Amino acid sequence: MKGTPDKTVILHWDEGAAAWSRLSWCDWVRFRGLGEGNASMLVGAAAGEHYFLVCVLGSRGELCNAIPHRYIMTTDARLVHGFDGLEKAEREESDRLGDLLFPTAEDLERCQQLLAREFG
């Protein structure tokens, strides 16, 4: 991923300043683990919850879309995956059910239960 997409602004909520600050595209790509080495980091960020807005601007600079993101970071400034409340066994079950080619009605029902909790 090279360069900032046209008309895209990334904002990060700065809890200490109680304000949104602009994040460079390079930092956003690195944080999401999409850059070189696939390591996800946001240098200088404290551990805990972090909020972002990906803002897509129109041709006159007007806001057309704002996509909120919420992530949890570790004490070493790395992105935590799977912070949605599922236990390890439930996550494994969800992954297993998602990989089934021919799920049963019971599999589909259980999958829906887990997905409802994941994205609740």
N, C-alpha and C. Protein backbone atom coordinates (compact mmCIF):
# COMPACT_ATOMS: atom_id res chain seq x y z
N MET A 1 0.85 -1.17 0.00
CA MET A 1 0.00 0.00 0.00
C MET A 1 0.89 1.23 0.00
N LYS A 2 0.83 1.96 -1.07
CA LYS A 2 1.67 3.14 -1.18
C LYS A 2 0.81 4.39 -1.30
N GLY A 3 1.19 5.42 -0.56
CA GLY A 3 0.51 6.69 -0.66
C GLY A 3 -0.89 6.67 -0.06
N THR A 4 -1.37 7.84 0.28
CA THR A 4 -2.71 7.98 0.82
C THR A 4 -3.72 7.97 -0.30
N PRO A 5 -4.78 7.17 -0.16
CA PRO A 5 -5.83 7.23 -1.18
C PRO A 5 -6.39 8.64 -1.27
N ASP A 6 -6.72 9.07 -2.48
CA ASP A 6 -7.30 10.40 -2.65
C ASP A 6 -8.54 10.56 -1.78
N LYS A 7 -8.65 11.70 -1.19
CA LYS A 7 -9.84 12.08 -0.43
C LYS A 7 -10.10 11.20 0.80
N THR A 8 -9.04 10.69 1.43
CA THR A 8 -9.20 9.89 2.65
C THR A 8 -8.41 10.54 3.77
N VAL A 9 -9.05 10.71 4.91
CA VAL A 9 -8.41 11.27 6.09
C VAL A 9 -8.64 10.29 7.24
N ILE A 10 -7.56 9.97 7.96
CA ILE A 10 -7.65 9.07 9.10
C ILE A 10 -7.50 9.90 10.37
N LEU A 11 -8.46 9.77 11.28
CA LEU A 11 -8.42 10.49 12.55
C LEU A 11 -8.31 9.50 13.70
N HIS A 12 -7.53 9.87 14.71
CA HIS A 12 -7.34 9.05 15.91
C HIS A 12 -7.75 9.89 17.11
N TRP A 13 -8.58 9.31 17.97
CA TRP A 13 -9.03 10.04 19.16
C TRP A 13 -7.90 10.08 20.17
N ASP A 14 -7.50 11.30 20.55
CA ASP A 14 -6.46 11.52 21.55
C ASP A 14 -7.16 11.78 22.87
N GLU A 15 -7.17 10.76 23.72
CA GLU A 15 -7.89 10.85 25.00
C GLU A 15 -7.35 11.98 25.87
N GLY A 16 -6.04 12.13 25.91
CA GLY A 16 -5.44 13.17 26.75
C GLY A 16 -5.83 14.57 26.34
N ALA A 17 -5.88 14.82 25.05
CA ALA A 17 -6.24 16.14 24.53
C ALA A 17 -7.74 16.28 24.33
N ALA A 18 -8.47 15.17 24.46
CA ALA A 18 -9.91 15.15 24.22
C ALA A 18 -10.24 15.74 22.84
N ALA A 19 -9.46 15.27 21.84
CA ALA A 19 -9.65 15.80 20.49
C ALA A 19 -9.20 14.75 19.47
N TRP A 20 -9.66 14.90 18.25
CA TRP A 20 -9.23 14.05 17.15
C TRP A 20 -7.94 14.59 16.58
N SER A 21 -6.99 13.70 16.27
CA SER A 21 -5.76 14.12 15.61
C SER A 21 -5.62 13.33 14.32
N ARG A 22 -5.01 13.95 13.35
CA ARG A 22 -4.85 13.31 12.05
C ARG A 22 -3.71 12.30 12.11
N LEU A 23 -3.93 11.13 11.52
CA LEU A 23 -2.95 10.06 11.48
C LEU A 23 -2.51 9.89 10.04
N SER A 24 -1.22 9.77 9.83
CA SER A 24 -0.74 9.60 8.45
C SER A 24 -1.18 8.25 7.91
N TRP A 25 -1.30 8.17 6.60
CA TRP A 25 -1.67 6.91 5.96
C TRP A 25 -0.65 5.82 6.28
N CYS A 26 0.62 6.19 6.29
CA CYS A 26 1.69 5.24 6.61
C CYS A 26 1.50 4.65 8.01
N ASP A 27 1.19 5.49 8.99
CA ASP A 27 0.96 5.01 10.36
C ASP A 27 -0.28 4.13 10.43
N TRP A 28 -1.33 4.49 9.70
CA TRP A 28 -2.56 3.70 9.68
C TRP A 28 -2.31 2.31 9.09
N VAL A 29 -1.58 2.26 7.98
CA VAL A 29 -1.27 0.99 7.32
C VAL A 29 -0.41 0.13 8.24
N ARG A 30 0.57 0.73 8.89
CA ARG A 30 1.42 -0.01 9.83
C ARG A 30 0.60 -0.53 11.00
N PHE A 31 -0.25 0.32 11.55
CA PHE A 31 -1.08 -0.08 12.68
C PHE A 31 -1.97 -1.27 12.32
N ARG A 32 -2.55 -1.25 11.13
CA ARG A 32 -3.44 -2.33 10.70
C ARG A 32 -2.68 -3.60 10.32
N GLY A 33 -1.34 -3.55 10.34
CA GLY A 33 -0.55 -4.73 10.02
C GLY A 33 -0.49 -5.02 8.53
N LEU A 34 -0.70 -4.00 7.72
CA LEU A 34 -0.73 -4.18 6.27
C LEU A 34 0.56 -3.73 5.60
N GLY A 35 1.47 -3.20 6.38
CA GLY A 35 2.74 -2.73 5.83
C GLY A 35 3.77 -3.84 5.77
N GLU A 36 5.01 -3.45 5.60
CA GLU A 36 6.11 -4.41 5.54
C GLU A 36 6.18 -5.21 6.84
N GLY A 37 6.36 -6.51 6.72
CA GLY A 37 6.49 -7.38 7.88
C GLY A 37 5.19 -7.73 8.56
N ASN A 38 4.09 -7.13 8.14
CA ASN A 38 2.77 -7.39 8.70
C ASN A 38 2.68 -7.17 10.20
N ALA A 39 3.58 -6.38 10.78
CA ALA A 39 3.53 -6.07 12.21
C ALA A 39 2.56 -4.92 12.42
N SER A 40 1.71 -5.02 13.43
CA SER A 40 0.76 -3.94 13.70
C SER A 40 1.24 -3.15 14.90
N MET A 41 1.56 -1.89 14.66
CA MET A 41 2.05 -1.02 15.73
C MET A 41 1.55 0.40 15.52
N LEU A 42 1.37 1.12 16.62
CA LEU A 42 1.10 2.54 16.59
C LEU A 42 2.02 3.16 17.63
N VAL A 43 3.15 3.65 17.16
CA VAL A 43 4.20 4.15 18.04
C VAL A 43 3.67 5.28 18.92
N GLY A 44 3.97 5.19 20.21
CA GLY A 44 3.58 6.23 21.15
C GLY A 44 2.18 6.08 21.71
N ALA A 45 1.45 5.07 21.27
CA ALA A 45 0.09 4.88 21.76
C ALA A 45 0.11 4.10 23.07
N ALA A 46 -0.74 4.53 23.98
CA ALA A 46 -0.86 3.84 25.27
C ALA A 46 -1.70 2.58 25.11
N ALA A 47 -1.50 1.65 26.01
CA ALA A 47 -2.32 0.43 25.99
C ALA A 47 -3.77 0.78 26.27
N GLY A 48 -4.67 0.00 25.73
CA GLY A 48 -6.10 0.20 25.97
C GLY A 48 -6.87 0.41 24.70
N GLU A 49 -8.07 0.95 24.83
CA GLU A 49 -8.94 1.16 23.68
C GLU A 49 -8.51 2.38 22.88
N HIS A 50 -8.63 2.26 21.57
CA HIS A 50 -8.32 3.37 20.67
C HIS A 50 -9.42 3.47 19.62
N TYR A 51 -9.78 4.70 19.31
CA TYR A 51 -10.85 4.96 18.36
C TYR A 51 -10.30 5.72 17.16
N PHE A 52 -10.77 5.35 15.99
CA PHE A 52 -10.34 5.96 14.73
C PHE A 52 -11.56 6.26 13.89
N LEU A 53 -11.43 7.27 13.02
CA LEU A 53 -12.42 7.54 11.99
C LEU A 53 -11.70 7.57 10.65
N VAL A 54 -12.17 6.77 9.73
CA VAL A 54 -11.67 6.82 8.36
C VAL A 54 -12.69 7.67 7.62
N CYS A 55 -12.28 8.86 7.22
CA CYS A 55 -13.18 9.82 6.59
C CYS A 55 -12.93 9.87 5.09
N VAL A 56 -13.99 9.66 4.32
CA VAL A 56 -13.91 9.74 2.87
C VAL A 56 -14.54 11.07 2.46
N LEU A 57 -13.76 11.87 1.76
CA LEU A 57 -14.20 13.20 1.37
C LEU A 57 -14.66 13.22 -0.07
N GLY A 58 -15.60 14.12 -0.35
CA GLY A 58 -16.10 14.30 -1.71
C GLY A 58 -15.19 15.18 -2.52
N SER A 59 -15.60 15.45 -3.73
CA SER A 59 -14.79 16.23 -4.67
C SER A 59 -14.54 17.67 -4.20
N ARG A 60 -15.42 18.21 -3.38
CA ARG A 60 -15.25 19.57 -2.84
C ARG A 60 -14.73 19.56 -1.41
N GLY A 61 -14.27 18.38 -0.94
CA GLY A 61 -13.73 18.28 0.41
C GLY A 61 -14.78 18.03 1.48
N GLU A 62 -16.02 17.82 1.07
CA GLU A 62 -17.09 17.57 2.04
C GLU A 62 -17.03 16.11 2.51
N LEU A 63 -17.46 15.89 3.73
CA LEU A 63 -17.47 14.54 4.29
C LEU A 63 -18.58 13.73 3.63
N CYS A 64 -18.20 12.62 3.01
CA CYS A 64 -19.18 11.73 2.37
C CYS A 64 -19.44 10.49 3.20
N ASN A 65 -18.43 10.03 3.91
CA ASN A 65 -18.59 8.82 4.70
C ASN A 65 -17.57 8.85 5.84
N ALA A 66 -17.99 8.39 7.00
CA ALA A 66 -17.09 8.26 8.15
C ALA A 66 -17.24 6.85 8.68
N ILE A 67 -16.15 6.11 8.68
CA ILE A 67 -16.17 4.71 9.10
C ILE A 67 -15.44 4.60 10.44
N PRO A 68 -16.19 4.36 11.52
CA PRO A 68 -15.54 4.27 12.84
C PRO A 68 -14.84 2.93 13.02
N HIS A 69 -13.75 2.95 13.75
CA HIS A 69 -13.00 1.75 14.10
C HIS A 69 -12.68 1.81 15.59
N ARG A 70 -12.70 0.66 16.25
CA ARG A 70 -12.31 0.55 17.66
C ARG A 70 -11.35 -0.61 17.78
N TYR A 71 -10.23 -0.36 18.42
CA TYR A 71 -9.22 -1.40 18.60
C TYR A 71 -8.71 -1.36 20.03
N ILE A 72 -8.12 -2.47 20.44
CA ILE A 72 -7.45 -2.53 21.74
C ILE A 72 -5.97 -2.77 21.46
N MET A 73 -5.13 -2.03 22.18
CA MET A 73 -3.69 -2.15 22.01
C MET A 73 -3.04 -2.67 23.29
N THR A 74 -1.97 -3.44 23.10
CA THR A 74 -1.21 -3.99 24.22
C THR A 74 -0.25 -2.93 24.76
N THR A 75 0.44 -3.25 25.84
CA THR A 75 1.39 -2.31 26.43
C THR A 75 2.60 -2.07 25.53
N ASP A 76 2.86 -2.98 24.56
CA ASP A 76 3.96 -2.75 23.62
C ASP A 76 3.47 -2.15 22.30
N ALA A 77 2.31 -1.49 22.32
CA ALA A 77 1.74 -0.74 21.18
C ALA A 77 1.36 -1.63 20.01
N ARG A 78 0.95 -2.84 20.28
CA ARG A 78 0.52 -3.75 19.22
C ARG A 78 -0.99 -3.95 19.27
N LEU A 79 -1.55 -4.17 18.10
CA LEU A 79 -2.98 -4.39 17.96
C LEU A 79 -3.37 -5.75 18.51
N VAL A 80 -4.43 -5.79 19.31
CA VAL A 80 -4.94 -7.03 19.86
C VAL A 80 -6.06 -7.52 18.96
N HIS A 81 -5.97 -8.77 18.55
CA HIS A 81 -7.03 -9.37 17.75
C HIS A 81 -7.90 -10.22 18.66
N GLY A 82 -9.18 -10.29 18.35
CA GLY A 82 -10.07 -11.14 19.12
C GLY A 82 -10.44 -10.59 20.48
N PHE A 83 -10.75 -9.31 20.55
CA PHE A 83 -11.13 -8.72 21.83
C PHE A 83 -12.65 -8.61 21.94
N ASP A 84 -13.34 -9.48 21.25
CA ASP A 84 -14.79 -9.36 21.14
C ASP A 84 -15.56 -10.09 22.22
N GLY A 85 -14.88 -10.68 23.18
CA GLY A 85 -15.58 -11.31 24.28
C GLY A 85 -15.73 -12.81 24.18
N LEU A 86 -15.34 -13.42 23.06
CA LEU A 86 -15.41 -14.87 22.96
C LEU A 86 -14.23 -15.49 23.68
N GLU A 87 -14.49 -16.58 24.36
CA GLU A 87 -13.41 -17.35 24.98
C GLU A 87 -12.63 -18.07 23.89
N LYS A 88 -11.45 -18.55 24.22
CA LYS A 88 -10.60 -19.22 23.24
C LYS A 88 -11.32 -20.40 22.59
N ALA A 89 -11.98 -21.22 23.38
CA ALA A 89 -12.69 -22.38 22.85
C ALA A 89 -13.83 -21.96 21.93
N GLU A 90 -14.52 -20.86 22.29
CA GLU A 90 -15.61 -20.36 21.45
C GLU A 90 -15.08 -19.83 20.11
N ARG A 91 -13.93 -19.16 20.16
CA ARG A 91 -13.32 -18.65 18.93
C ARG A 91 -12.92 -19.82 18.02
N GLU A 92 -12.34 -20.85 18.60
CA GLU A 92 -11.96 -22.03 17.83
C GLU A 92 -13.19 -22.69 17.22
N GLU A 93 -14.27 -22.77 18.02
CA GLU A 93 -15.52 -23.35 17.52
C GLU A 93 -16.07 -22.51 16.38
N SER A 94 -16.05 -21.20 16.53
CA SER A 94 -16.53 -20.31 15.49
C SER A 94 -15.73 -20.48 14.20
N ASP A 95 -14.40 -20.57 14.34
CA ASP A 95 -13.55 -20.78 13.16
C ASP A 95 -13.86 -22.12 12.50
N ARG A 96 -14.03 -23.15 13.31
CA ARG A 96 -14.33 -24.48 12.78
C ARG A 96 -15.66 -24.47 12.04
N LEU A 97 -16.67 -23.86 12.63
CA LEU A 97 -17.99 -23.80 12.00
C LEU A 97 -17.95 -23.01 10.70
N GLY A 98 -17.16 -21.94 10.69
CA GLY A 98 -17.04 -21.13 9.49
C GLY A 98 -16.36 -21.84 8.34
N ASP A 99 -15.56 -22.85 8.65
CA ASP A 99 -14.84 -23.60 7.62
C ASP A 99 -15.62 -24.79 7.07
N LEU A 100 -16.78 -25.09 7.67
CA LEU A 100 -17.54 -26.26 7.22
C LEU A 100 -18.14 -26.03 5.83
N LEU A 101 -17.98 -27.00 4.96
CA LEU A 101 -18.57 -26.91 3.62
C LEU A 101 -20.07 -27.19 3.65
N PHE A 102 -20.49 -28.12 4.50
CA PHE A 102 -21.89 -28.50 4.58
C PHE A 102 -22.34 -28.49 6.04
N PRO A 103 -22.56 -27.30 6.61
CA PRO A 103 -22.96 -27.24 8.01
C PRO A 103 -24.39 -27.76 8.20
N THR A 104 -24.62 -28.35 9.36
CA THR A 104 -25.96 -28.81 9.71
C THR A 104 -26.77 -27.60 10.20
N ALA A 105 -28.04 -27.81 10.41
CA ALA A 105 -28.90 -26.74 10.95
C ALA A 105 -28.41 -26.32 12.33
N GLU A 106 -27.95 -27.30 13.12
CA GLU A 106 -27.43 -27.01 14.47
C GLU A 106 -26.14 -26.20 14.38
N ASP A 107 -25.29 -26.55 13.39
CA ASP A 107 -24.04 -25.79 13.20
C ASP A 107 -24.35 -24.34 12.85
N LEU A 108 -25.30 -24.15 11.96
CA LEU A 108 -25.67 -22.79 11.54
C LEU A 108 -26.25 -21.99 12.70
N GLU A 109 -27.07 -22.65 13.51
CA GLU A 109 -27.65 -21.97 14.66
C GLU A 109 -26.57 -21.54 15.65
N ARG A 110 -25.63 -22.46 15.93
CA ARG A 110 -24.54 -22.15 16.87
C ARG A 110 -23.66 -21.04 16.30
N CYS A 111 -23.39 -21.11 15.01
CA CYS A 111 -22.58 -20.07 14.35
C CYS A 111 -23.25 -18.71 14.50
N GLN A 112 -24.55 -18.64 14.32
CA GLN A 112 -25.28 -17.38 14.46
C GLN A 112 -25.19 -16.86 15.91
N GLN A 113 -25.26 -17.77 16.88
CA GLN A 113 -25.14 -17.37 18.29
C GLN A 113 -23.77 -16.74 18.56
N LEU A 114 -22.74 -17.37 18.05
CA LEU A 114 -21.38 -16.85 18.26
C LEU A 114 -21.16 -15.53 17.52
N LEU A 115 -21.66 -15.45 16.30
CA LEU A 115 -21.52 -14.20 15.54
C LEU A 115 -22.27 -13.05 16.20
N ALA A 116 -23.43 -13.33 16.78
CA ALA A 116 -24.18 -12.29 17.47
C ALA A 116 -23.39 -11.73 18.64
N ARG A 117 -22.65 -12.58 19.32
CA ARG A 117 -21.81 -12.12 20.43
C ARG A 117 -20.57 -11.41 19.92
N GLU A 118 -19.99 -11.91 18.83
CA GLU A 118 -18.78 -11.30 18.28
C GLU A 118 -19.01 -9.85 17.91
N PHE A 119 -20.12 -9.58 17.24
CA PHE A 119 -20.35 -8.24 16.71
C PHE A 119 -21.40 -7.47 17.49
N GLY A 120 -21.73 -7.94 18.68
CA GLY A 120 -22.74 -7.27 19.50
C GLY A 120 -22.21 -6.01 20.13
